[in-house]
Amino acid sequence: MAIRVKVKTLGILYNMTGKIEHEVEVGDDATLRDVIRKLVEAYPSLGEEIFDGDKFSSDYRILLNGREAAYLQGEETRVKNGDEVVVIPPVGGGYETI
């Protein structure tokens, strides 16, 4: 049985995909890694951004229903139908005072 997960891509990831919200369909035993890999199938350039080998890049924050994956089971965290995943890229910038 397939389940649907909503994935939000912010910042540079929005620029790479052209939209914020995506719906990903995965198997009922899927993990966060499976969800993000499915998104990468649609947008291959995301793979180099979000992954460092087979693990999530430490530069990115992956949230599952508002909780950071690093404080759950990381890439192996199981997802269920209707979950929301948010991928937050590194934030930088600001301004310089003169």
PDB file of N, CA and C in Angstrom:
ATOM      1  N   MET A   1       0.844  -1.185   0.000  1.00  0.00           N
ATOM      2  CA  MET A   1       0.000   0.000   0.000  1.00  0.00           C
ATOM      3  C   MET A   1       0.886   1.244   0.000  1.00  0.00           C
ATOM      4  N   ALA A   2       0.531   2.216  -0.783  1.00  0.00           N
ATOM      5  CA  ALA A   2       1.306   3.451  -0.866  1.00  0.00           C
ATOM      6  C   ALA A   2       0.757   4.492   0.100  1.00  0.00           C
ATOM      7  N   ILE A   3       1.656   5.320   0.595  1.00  0.00           N
ATOM      8  CA  ILE A   3       1.252   6.441   1.444  1.00  0.00           C
ATOM      9  C   ILE A   3       1.743   7.725   0.803  1.00  0.00           C
ATOM     10  N   ARG A   4       1.088   8.812   1.155  1.00  0.00           N
ATOM     11  CA  ARG A   4       1.444  10.130   0.614  1.00  0.00           C
ATOM     12  C   ARG A   4       1.989  11.010   1.735  1.00  0.00           C
ATOM     13  N   VAL A   5       3.084  11.667   1.417  1.00  0.00           N
ATOM     14  CA  VAL A   5       3.756  12.555   2.357  1.00  0.00           C
ATOM     15  C   VAL A   5       3.947  13.897   1.667  1.00  0.00           C
ATOM     16  N   LYS A   6       3.656  14.981   2.389  1.00  0.00           N
ATOM     17  CA  LYS A   6       3.877  16.319   1.856  1.00  0.00           C
ATOM     18  C   LYS A   6       5.307  16.726   2.207  1.00  0.00           C
ATOM     19  N   VAL A   7       6.037  17.243   1.219  1.00  0.00           N
ATOM     20  CA  VAL A   7       7.405  17.706   1.445  1.00  0.00           C
ATOM     21  C   VAL A   7       7.480  19.175   1.056  1.00  0.00           C
ATOM     22  N   LYS A   8       8.011  20.002   1.945  1.00  0.00           N
ATOM     23  CA  LYS A   8       8.216  21.421   1.653  1.00  0.00           C
ATOM     24  C   LYS A   8       9.707  21.663   1.463  1.00  0.00           C
ATOM     25  N   THR A   9      10.038  22.355   0.375  1.00  0.00           N
ATOM     26  CA  THR A   9      11.428  22.711   0.093  1.00  0.00           C
ATOM     27  C   THR A   9      11.557  24.229   0.168  1.00  0.00           C
ATOM     28  N   LEU A  10      12.484  24.689   0.974  1.00  0.00           N
ATOM     29  CA  LEU A  10      12.647  26.120   1.225  1.00  0.00           C
ATOM     30  C   LEU A  10      13.959  26.639   0.652  1.00  0.00           C
ATOM     31  N   GLY A  11      14.095  27.951   0.600  1.00  0.00           N
ATOM     32  CA  GLY A  11      15.343  28.600   0.195  1.00  0.00           C
ATOM     33  C   GLY A  11      15.835  28.163  -1.165  1.00  0.00           C
ATOM     34  N   ILE A  12      17.097  27.782  -1.234  1.00  0.00           N
ATOM     35  CA  ILE A  12      17.713  27.386  -2.496  1.00  0.00           C
ATOM     36  C   ILE A  12      16.990  26.185  -3.107  1.00  0.00           C
ATOM     37  N   LEU A  13      16.412  25.336  -2.282  1.00  0.00           N
ATOM     38  CA  LEU A  13      15.689  24.167  -2.791  1.00  0.00           C
ATOM     39  C   LEU A  13      14.428  24.590  -3.532  1.00  0.00           C
ATOM     40  N   TYR A  14      13.790  25.651  -3.063  1.00  0.00           N
ATOM     41  CA  TYR A  14      12.653  26.214  -3.800  1.00  0.00           C
ATOM     42  C   TYR A  14      13.123  26.690  -5.166  1.00  0.00           C
ATOM     43  N   ASN A  15      14.267  27.358  -5.187  1.00  0.00           N
ATOM     44  CA  ASN A  15      14.809  27.841  -6.464  1.00  0.00           C
ATOM     45  C   ASN A  15      15.094  26.685  -7.416  1.00  0.00           C
ATOM     46  N   MET A  16      15.509  25.553  -6.889  1.00  0.00           N
ATOM     47  CA  MET A  16      15.865  24.398  -7.718  1.00  0.00           C
ATOM     48  C   MET A  16      14.637  23.635  -8.220  1.00  0.00           C
ATOM     49  N   THR A  17      13.544  23.679  -7.455  1.00  0.00           N
ATOM     50  CA  THR A  17      12.354  22.909  -7.835  1.00  0.00           C
ATOM     51  C   THR A  17      11.252  23.777  -8.429  1.00  0.00           C
ATOM     52  N   GLY A  18      11.269  25.065  -8.132  1.00  0.00           N
ATOM     53  CA  GLY A  18      10.242  25.960  -8.644  1.00  0.00           C
ATOM     54  C   GLY A  18       8.951  25.956  -7.836  1.00  0.00           C
ATOM     55  N   LYS A  19       8.925  25.203  -6.740  1.00  0.00           N
ATOM     56  CA  LYS A  19       7.748  25.237  -5.874  1.00  0.00           C
ATOM     57  C   LYS A  19       8.129  24.842  -4.459  1.00  0.00           C
ATOM     58  N   ILE A  20       7.264  25.203  -3.532  1.00  0.00           N
ATOM     59  CA  ILE A  20       7.532  24.912  -2.131  1.00  0.00           C
ATOM     60  C   ILE A  20       6.980  23.544  -1.745  1.00  0.00           C
ATOM     61  N   GLU A  21       5.743  23.257  -2.114  1.00  0.00           N
ATOM     62  CA  GLU A  21       5.104  22.017  -1.670  1.00  0.00           C
ATOM     63  C   GLU A  21       5.120  20.940  -2.748  1.00  0.00           C
ATOM     64  N   HIS A  22       5.420  19.741  -2.299  1.00  0.00           N
ATOM     65  CA  HIS A  22       5.485  18.567  -3.179  1.00  0.00           C
ATOM     66  C   HIS A  22       4.738  17.444  -2.482  1.00  0.00           C
ATOM     67  N   GLU A  23       4.109  16.583  -3.256  1.00  0.00           N
ATOM     68  CA  GLU A  23       3.509  15.383  -2.680  1.00  0.00           C
ATOM     69  C   GLU A  23       4.294  14.190  -3.186  1.00  0.00           C
ATOM     70  N   VAL A  24       4.745  13.366  -2.260  1.00  0.00           N
ATOM     71  CA  VAL A  24       5.570  12.203  -2.583  1.00  0.00           C
ATOM     72  C   VAL A  24       4.813  10.952  -2.165  1.00  0.00           C
ATOM     73  N   GLU A  25       4.810   9.963  -3.033  1.00  0.00           N
ATOM     74  CA  GLU A  25       4.168   8.695  -2.720  1.00  0.00           C
ATOM     75  C   GLU A  25       5.245   7.632  -2.520  1.00  0.00           C
ATOM     76  N   VAL A  26       5.189   6.964  -1.378  1.00  0.00           N
ATOM     77  CA  VAL A  26       6.174   5.931  -1.023  1.00  0.00           C
ATOM     78  C   VAL A  26       5.438   4.717  -0.454  1.00  0.00           C
ATOM     79  N   GLY A  27       6.170   3.630  -0.247  1.00  0.00           N
ATOM     80  CA  GLY A  27       5.593   2.431   0.335  1.00  0.00           C
ATOM     81  C   GLY A  27       5.256   2.620   1.799  1.00  0.00           C
ATOM     82  N   ASP A  28       4.408   1.755   2.326  1.00  0.00           N
ATOM     83  CA  ASP A  28       3.939   1.928   3.708  1.00  0.00           C
ATOM     84  C   ASP A  28       5.003   1.650   4.763  1.00  0.00           C
ATOM     85  N   ASP A  29       6.157   1.144   4.374  1.00  0.00           N
ATOM     86  CA  ASP A  29       7.254   0.934   5.329  1.00  0.00           C
ATOM     87  C   ASP A  29       8.383   1.932   5.096  1.00  0.00           C
ATOM     88  N   ALA A  30       8.053   3.072   4.501  1.00  0.00           N
ATOM     89  CA  ALA A  30       9.059   4.057   4.083  1.00  0.00           C
ATOM     90  C   ALA A  30       9.664   4.826   5.251  1.00  0.00           C
ATOM     91  N   THR A  31      10.889   5.290   5.009  1.00  0.00           N
ATOM     92  CA  THR A  31      11.615   6.126   5.959  1.00  0.00           C
ATOM     93  C   THR A  31      11.768   7.525   5.372  1.00  0.00           C
ATOM     94  N   LEU A  32      12.277   8.438   6.185  1.00  0.00           N
ATOM     95  CA  LEU A  32      12.573   9.786   5.677  1.00  0.00           C
ATOM     96  C   LEU A  32      13.525   9.721   4.486  1.00  0.00           C
ATOM     97  N   ARG A  33      14.514   8.835   4.546  1.00  0.00           N
ATOM     98  CA  ARG A  33      15.446   8.686   3.427  1.00  0.00           C
ATOM     99  C   ARG A  33      14.683   8.342   2.148  1.00  0.00           C
ATOM    100  N   ASP A  34      13.726   7.419   2.244  1.00  0.00           N
ATOM    101  CA  ASP A  34      12.939   7.028   1.077  1.00  0.00           C
ATOM    102  C   ASP A  34      12.150   8.208   0.509  1.00  0.00           C
ATOM    103  N   VAL A  35      11.581   9.010   1.385  1.00  0.00           N
ATOM    104  CA  VAL A  35      10.806  10.173   0.947  1.00  0.00           C
ATOM    105  C   VAL A  35      11.697  11.150   0.190  1.00  0.00           C
ATOM    106  N   ILE A  36      12.854  11.464   0.767  1.00  0.00           N
ATOM    107  CA  ILE A  36      13.744  12.432   0.115  1.00  0.00           C
ATOM    108  C   ILE A  36      14.319  11.851  -1.174  1.00  0.00           C
ATOM    109  N   ARG A  37      14.646  10.575  -1.189  1.00  0.00           N
ATOM    110  CA  ARG A  37      15.133   9.936  -2.423  1.00  0.00           C
ATOM    111  C   ARG A  37      14.078  10.008  -3.524  1.00  0.00           C
ATOM    112  N   LYS A  38      12.814   9.831  -3.161  1.00  0.00           N
ATOM    113  CA  LYS A  38      11.721   9.922  -4.137  1.00  0.00           C
ATOM    114  C   LYS A  38      11.637  11.340  -4.689  1.00  0.00           C
ATOM    115  N   LEU A  39      11.813  12.332  -3.842  1.00  0.00           N
ATOM    116  CA  LEU A  39      11.826  13.721  -4.302  1.00  0.00           C
ATOM    117  C   LEU A  39      12.998  13.954  -5.248  1.00  0.00           C
ATOM    118  N   VAL A  40      14.142  13.367  -4.915  1.00  0.00           N
ATOM    119  CA  VAL A  40      15.344  13.510  -5.761  1.00  0.00           C
ATOM    120  C   VAL A  40      15.125  12.868  -7.137  1.00  0.00           C
ATOM    121  N   GLU A  41      14.308  11.828  -7.209  1.00  0.00           N
ATOM    122  CA  GLU A  41      13.991  11.242  -8.521  1.00  0.00           C
ATOM    123  C   GLU A  41      13.367  12.286  -9.433  1.00  0.00           C
ATOM    124  N   ALA A  42      12.513  13.136  -8.878  1.00  0.00           N
ATOM    125  CA  ALA A  42      11.858  14.179  -9.664  1.00  0.00           C
ATOM    126  C   ALA A  42      12.780  15.361  -9.922  1.00  0.00           C
ATOM    127  N   TYR A  43      13.710  15.626  -8.999  1.00  0.00           N
ATOM    128  CA  TYR A  43      14.639  16.761  -9.092  1.00  0.00           C
ATOM    129  C   TYR A  43      16.041  16.267  -8.764  1.00  0.00           C
ATOM    130  N   PRO A  44      16.723  15.624  -9.717  1.00  0.00           N
ATOM    131  CA  PRO A  44      18.019  14.986  -9.452  1.00  0.00           C
ATOM    132  C   PRO A  44      19.080  15.898  -8.826  1.00  0.00           C
ATOM    133  N   SER A  45      19.073  17.177  -9.152  1.00  0.00           N
ATOM    134  CA  SER A  45      20.102  18.074  -8.602  1.00  0.00           C
ATOM    135  C   SER A  45      19.983  18.221  -7.087  1.00  0.00           C
ATOM    136  N   LEU A  46      18.833  17.902  -6.531  1.00  0.00           N
ATOM    137  CA  LEU A  46      18.672  17.981  -5.075  1.00  0.00           C
ATOM    138  C   LEU A  46      19.540  16.965  -4.350  1.00  0.00           C
ATOM    139  N   GLY A  47      19.837  15.857  -5.007  1.00  0.00           N
ATOM    140  CA  GLY A  47      20.610  14.798  -4.372  1.00  0.00           C
ATOM    141  C   GLY A  47      21.941  15.270  -3.840  1.00  0.00           C
ATOM    142  N   GLU A  48      22.653  16.037  -4.644  1.00  0.00           N
ATOM    143  CA  GLU A  48      23.967  16.545  -4.225  1.00  0.00           C
ATOM    144  C   GLU A  48      23.844  17.587  -3.130  1.00  0.00           C
ATOM    145  N   GLU A  49      22.704  18.259  -3.084  1.00  0.00           N
ATOM    146  CA  GLU A  49      22.482  19.286  -2.065  1.00  0.00           C
ATOM    147  C   GLU A  49      22.154  18.669  -0.707  1.00  0.00           C
ATOM    148  N   ILE A  50      21.201  17.743  -0.699  1.00  0.00           N
ATOM    149  CA  ILE A  50      20.630  17.249   0.543  1.00  0.00           C
ATOM    150  C   ILE A  50      21.405  16.080   1.138  1.00  0.00           C
ATOM    151  N   PHE A  51      22.014  15.265   0.287  1.00  0.00           N
ATOM    152  CA  PHE A  51      22.700  14.072   0.774  1.00  0.00           C
ATOM    153  C   PHE A  51      24.211  14.234   0.787  1.00  0.00           C
ATOM    154  N   ASP A  52      24.821  13.609   1.767  1.00  0.00           N
ATOM    155  CA  ASP A  52      26.269  13.456   1.842  1.00  0.00           C
ATOM    156  C   ASP A  52      26.480  11.945   1.877  1.00  0.00           C
ATOM    157  N   GLY A  53      26.671  11.351   0.700  1.00  0.00           N
ATOM    158  CA  GLY A  53      26.688   9.892   0.595  1.00  0.00           C
ATOM    159  C   GLY A  53      25.266   9.389   0.733  1.00  0.00           C
ATOM    160  N   ASP A  54      25.038   8.500   1.699  1.00  0.00           N
ATOM    161  CA  ASP A  54      23.701   7.958   1.915  1.00  0.00           C
ATOM    162  C   ASP A  54      23.016   8.618   3.107  1.00  0.00           C
ATOM    163  N   LYS A  55      23.679   9.581   3.734  1.00  0.00           N
ATOM    164  CA  LYS A  55      23.124  10.271   4.903  1.00  0.00           C
ATOM    165  C   LYS A  55      22.741  11.692   4.518  1.00  0.00           C
ATOM    166  N   PHE A  56      21.834  12.262   5.296  1.00  0.00           N
ATOM    167  CA  PHE A  56      21.483  13.659   5.078  1.00  0.00           C
ATOM    168  C   PHE A  56      22.704  14.523   5.368  1.00  0.00           C
ATOM    169  N   SER A  57      22.916  15.540   4.560  1.00  0.00           N
ATOM    170  CA  SER A  57      23.998  16.487   4.789  1.00  0.00           C
ATOM    171  C   SER A  57      23.779  17.183   6.126  1.00  0.00           C
ATOM    172  N   SER A  58      24.838  17.365   6.874  1.00  0.00           N
ATOM    173  CA  SER A  58      24.716  18.044   8.171  1.00  0.00           C
ATOM    174  C   SER A  58      24.388  19.526   8.003  1.00  0.00           C
ATOM    175  N   ASP A  59      24.479  20.040   6.771  1.00  0.00           N
ATOM    176  CA  ASP A  59      24.130  21.437   6.507  1.00  0.00           C
ATOM    177  C   ASP A  59      22.626  21.665   6.493  1.00  0.00           C
ATOM    178  N   TYR A  60      21.862  20.592   6.272  1.00  0.00           N
ATOM    179  CA  TYR A  60      20.415  20.698   6.134  1.00  0.00           C
ATOM    180  C   TYR A  60      19.707  20.207   7.379  1.00  0.00           C
ATOM    181  N   ARG A  61      18.547  20.784   7.647  1.00  0.00           N
ATOM    182  CA  ARG A  61      17.682  20.332   8.731  1.00  0.00           C
ATOM    183  C   ARG A  61      16.454  19.711   8.081  1.00  0.00           C
ATOM    184  N   ILE A  62      16.147  18.504   8.487  1.00  0.00           N
ATOM    185  CA  ILE A  62      14.982  17.797   7.986  1.00  0.00           C
ATOM    186  C   ILE A  62      14.004  17.661   9.148  1.00  0.00           C
ATOM    187  N   LEU A  63      12.809  18.197   8.980  1.00  0.00           N
ATOM    188  CA  LEU A  63      11.795  18.132  10.020  1.00  0.00           C
ATOM    189  C   LEU A  63      10.688  17.178   9.601  1.00  0.00           C
ATOM    190  N   LEU A  64      10.232  16.372  10.522  1.00  0.00           N
ATOM    191  CA  LEU A  64       9.079  15.505  10.314  1.00  0.00           C
ATOM    192  C   LEU A  64       8.005  15.953  11.298  1.00  0.00           C
ATOM    193  N   ASN A  65       6.940  16.506  10.757  1.00  0.00           N
ATOM    194  CA  ASN A  65       5.841  17.016  11.593  1.00  0.00           C
ATOM    195  C   ASN A  65       6.361  17.956  12.674  1.00  0.00           C
ATOM    196  N   GLY A  66       7.308  18.820  12.288  1.00  0.00           N
ATOM    197  CA  GLY A  66       7.833  19.837  13.194  1.00  0.00           C
ATOM    198  C   GLY A  66       8.955  19.383  14.111  1.00  0.00           C
ATOM    199  N   ARG A  67       9.334  18.121  14.038  1.00  0.00           N
ATOM    200  CA  ARG A  67      10.424  17.611  14.888  1.00  0.00           C
ATOM    201  C   ARG A  67      11.638  17.296  14.028  1.00  0.00           C
ATOM    202  N   GLU A  68      12.801  17.737  14.482  1.00  0.00           N
ATOM    203  CA  GLU A  68      14.014  17.531  13.701  1.00  0.00           C
ATOM    204  C   GLU A  68      14.394  16.047  13.665  1.00  0.00           C
ATOM    205  N   ALA A  69      14.653  15.566  12.452  1.00  0.00           N
ATOM    206  CA  ALA A  69      14.974  14.149  12.240  1.00  0.00           C
ATOM    207  C   ALA A  69      16.175  13.707  13.057  1.00  0.00           C
ATOM    208  N   ALA A  70      17.134  14.602  13.258  1.00  0.00           N
ATOM    209  CA  ALA A  70      18.339  14.261  14.025  1.00  0.00           C
ATOM    210  C   ALA A  70      17.989  13.837  15.447  1.00  0.00           C
ATOM    211  N   TYR A  71      16.854  14.297  15.966  1.00  0.00           N
ATOM    212  CA  TYR A  71      16.434  13.939  17.323  1.00  0.00           C
ATOM    213  C   TYR A  71      15.438  12.786  17.330  1.00  0.00           C
ATOM    214  N   LEU A  72      15.152  12.254  16.152  1.00  0.00           N
ATOM    215  CA  LEU A  72      14.310  11.064  16.026  1.00  0.00           C
ATOM    216  C   LEU A  72      15.248   9.911  15.682  1.00  0.00           C
ATOM    217  N   GLN A  73      15.004   9.237  14.582  1.00  0.00           N
ATOM    218  CA  GLN A  73      15.911   8.168  14.139  1.00  0.00           C
ATOM    219  C   GLN A  73      16.634   8.559  12.850  1.00  0.00           C
ATOM    220  N   GLY A  74      16.818   9.864  12.631  1.00  0.00           N
ATOM    221  CA  GLY A  74      17.534  10.345  11.452  1.00  0.00           C
ATOM    222  C   GLY A  74      16.887   9.870  10.173  1.00  0.00           C
ATOM    223  N   GLU A  75      17.711   9.438   9.236  1.00  0.00           N
ATOM    224  CA  GLU A  75      17.230   8.988   7.927  1.00  0.00           C
ATOM    225  C   GLU A  75      16.298   7.785   8.030  1.00  0.00           C
ATOM    226  N   GLU A  76      16.441   7.024   9.101  1.00  0.00           N
ATOM    227  CA  GLU A  76      15.666   5.792   9.281  1.00  0.00           C
ATOM    228  C   GLU A  76      14.310   6.025   9.951  1.00  0.00           C
ATOM    229  N   THR A  77      13.969   7.270  10.247  1.00  0.00           N
ATOM    230  CA  THR A  77      12.684   7.569  10.863  1.00  0.00           C
ATOM    231  C   THR A  77      11.553   7.164   9.922  1.00  0.00           C
ATOM    232  N   ARG A  78      10.636   6.380  10.422  1.00  0.00           N
ATOM    233  CA  ARG A  78       9.495   5.926   9.615  1.00  0.00           C
ATOM    234  C   ARG A  78       8.499   7.059   9.414  1.00  0.00           C
ATOM    235  N   VAL A  79       7.864   7.077   8.242  1.00  0.00           N
ATOM    236  CA  VAL A  79       6.832   8.060   7.936  1.00  0.00           C
ATOM    237  C   VAL A  79       5.499   7.337   7.782  1.00  0.00           C
ATOM    238  N   LYS A  80       4.432   8.111   7.922  1.00  0.00           N
ATOM    239  CA  LYS A  80       3.101   7.540   7.739  1.00  0.00           C
ATOM    240  C   LYS A  80       2.272   8.471   6.850  1.00  0.00           C
ATOM    241  N   ASN A  81       1.180   7.974   6.385  1.00  0.00           N
ATOM    242  CA  ASN A  81       0.314   8.730   5.490  1.00  0.00           C
ATOM    243  C   ASN A  81      -0.062  10.075   6.116  1.00  0.00           C
ATOM    244  N   GLY A  82       0.079  11.148   5.337  1.00  0.00           N
ATOM    245  CA  GLY A  82      -0.286  12.481   5.792  1.00  0.00           C
ATOM    246  C   GLY A  82       0.803  13.235   6.522  1.00  0.00           C
ATOM    247  N   ASP A  83       1.956  12.617   6.741  1.00  0.00           N
ATOM    248  CA  ASP A  83       3.062  13.319   7.399  1.00  0.00           C
ATOM    249  C   ASP A  83       3.528  14.503   6.560  1.00  0.00           C
ATOM    250  N   GLU A  84       4.154  15.462   7.240  1.00  0.00           N
ATOM    251  CA  GLU A  84       4.738  16.607   6.559  1.00  0.00           C
ATOM    252  C   GLU A  84       6.233  16.661   6.856  1.00  0.00           C
ATOM    253  N   VAL A  85       7.010  16.735   5.794  1.00  0.00           N
ATOM    254  CA  VAL A  85       8.467  16.841   5.889  1.00  0.00           C
ATOM    255  C   VAL A  85       8.858  18.223   5.381  1.00  0.00           C
ATOM    256  N   VAL A  86       9.721  18.903   6.122  1.00  0.00           N
ATOM    257  CA  VAL A  86      10.237  20.203   5.699  1.00  0.00           C
ATOM    258  C   VAL A  86      11.750  20.088   5.611  1.00  0.00           C
ATOM    259  N   VAL A  87      12.299  20.514   4.468  1.00  0.00           N
ATOM    260  CA  VAL A  87      13.746  20.482   4.259  1.00  0.00           C
ATOM    261  C   VAL A  87      14.244  21.922   4.313  1.00  0.00           C
ATOM    262  N   ILE A  88      15.075  22.205   5.310  1.00  0.00           N
ATOM    263  CA  ILE A  88      15.563  23.566   5.539  1.00  0.00           C
ATOM    264  C   ILE A  88      17.047  23.628   5.186  1.00  0.00           C
ATOM    265  N   PRO A  89      17.389  24.443   4.179  1.00  0.00           N
ATOM    266  CA  PRO A  89      18.794  24.574   3.796  1.00  0.00           C
ATOM    267  C   PRO A  89      19.545  25.472   4.778  1.00  0.00           C
ATOM    268  N   PRO A  90      20.870  25.475   4.663  1.00  0.00           N
ATOM    269  CA  PRO A  90      21.645  26.378   5.525  1.00  0.00           C
ATOM    270  C   PRO A  90      21.237  27.830   5.259  1.00  0.00           C
ATOM    271  N   VAL A  91      21.258  28.603   6.315  1.00  0.00           N
ATOM    272  CA  VAL A  91      20.873  30.009   6.188  1.00  0.00           C
ATOM    273  C   VAL A  91      22.119  30.846   6.440  1.00  0.00           C
ATOM    274  N   GLY A  92      22.341  31.802   5.588  1.00  0.00           N
ATOM    275  CA  GLY A  92      23.492  32.681   5.743  1.00  0.00           C
ATOM    276  C   GLY A  92      23.136  34.053   5.245  1.00  0.00           C
ATOM    277  N   GLY A  93      24.072  34.931   5.372  1.00  0.00           N
ATOM    278  CA  GLY A  93      23.838  36.259   4.841  1.00  0.00           C
ATOM    279  C   GLY A  93      23.694  37.257   5.948  1.00  0.00           C
ATOM    280  N   GLY A  94      22.956  38.251   5.652  1.00  0.00           N
ATOM    281  CA  GLY A  94      22.808  39.353   6.583  1.00  0.00           C
ATOM    282  C   GLY A  94      23.250  40.605   5.883  1.00  0.00           C
ATOM    283  N   TYR A  95      23.684  41.566   6.629  1.00  0.00           N
ATOM    284  CA  TYR A  95      24.146  42.784   6.002  1.00  0.00           C
ATOM    285  C   TYR A  95      25.324  43.340   6.789  1.00  0.00           C
ATOM    286  N   GLU A  96      26.036  44.167   6.105  1.00  0.00           N
ATOM    287  CA  GLU A  96      27.213  44.787   6.700  1.00  0.00           C
ATOM    288  C   GLU A  96      26.907  46.255   6.937  1.00  0.00           C
ATOM    289  N   THR A  97      27.206  46.750   8.124  1.00  0.00           N
ATOM    290  CA  THR A  97      26.981  48.168   8.375  1.00  0.00           C
ATOM    291  C   THR A  97      28.171  48.960   7.869  1.00  0.00           C
ATOM    292  N   ILE A  98      27.888  50.129   7.441  1.00  0.00           N
ATOM    293  CA  ILE A  98      28.954  50.986   6.883  1.00  0.00           C
ATOM    294  C   ILE A  98      29.350  52.039   7.884  1.00  0.00           C
TER     295      ILE A  98
END
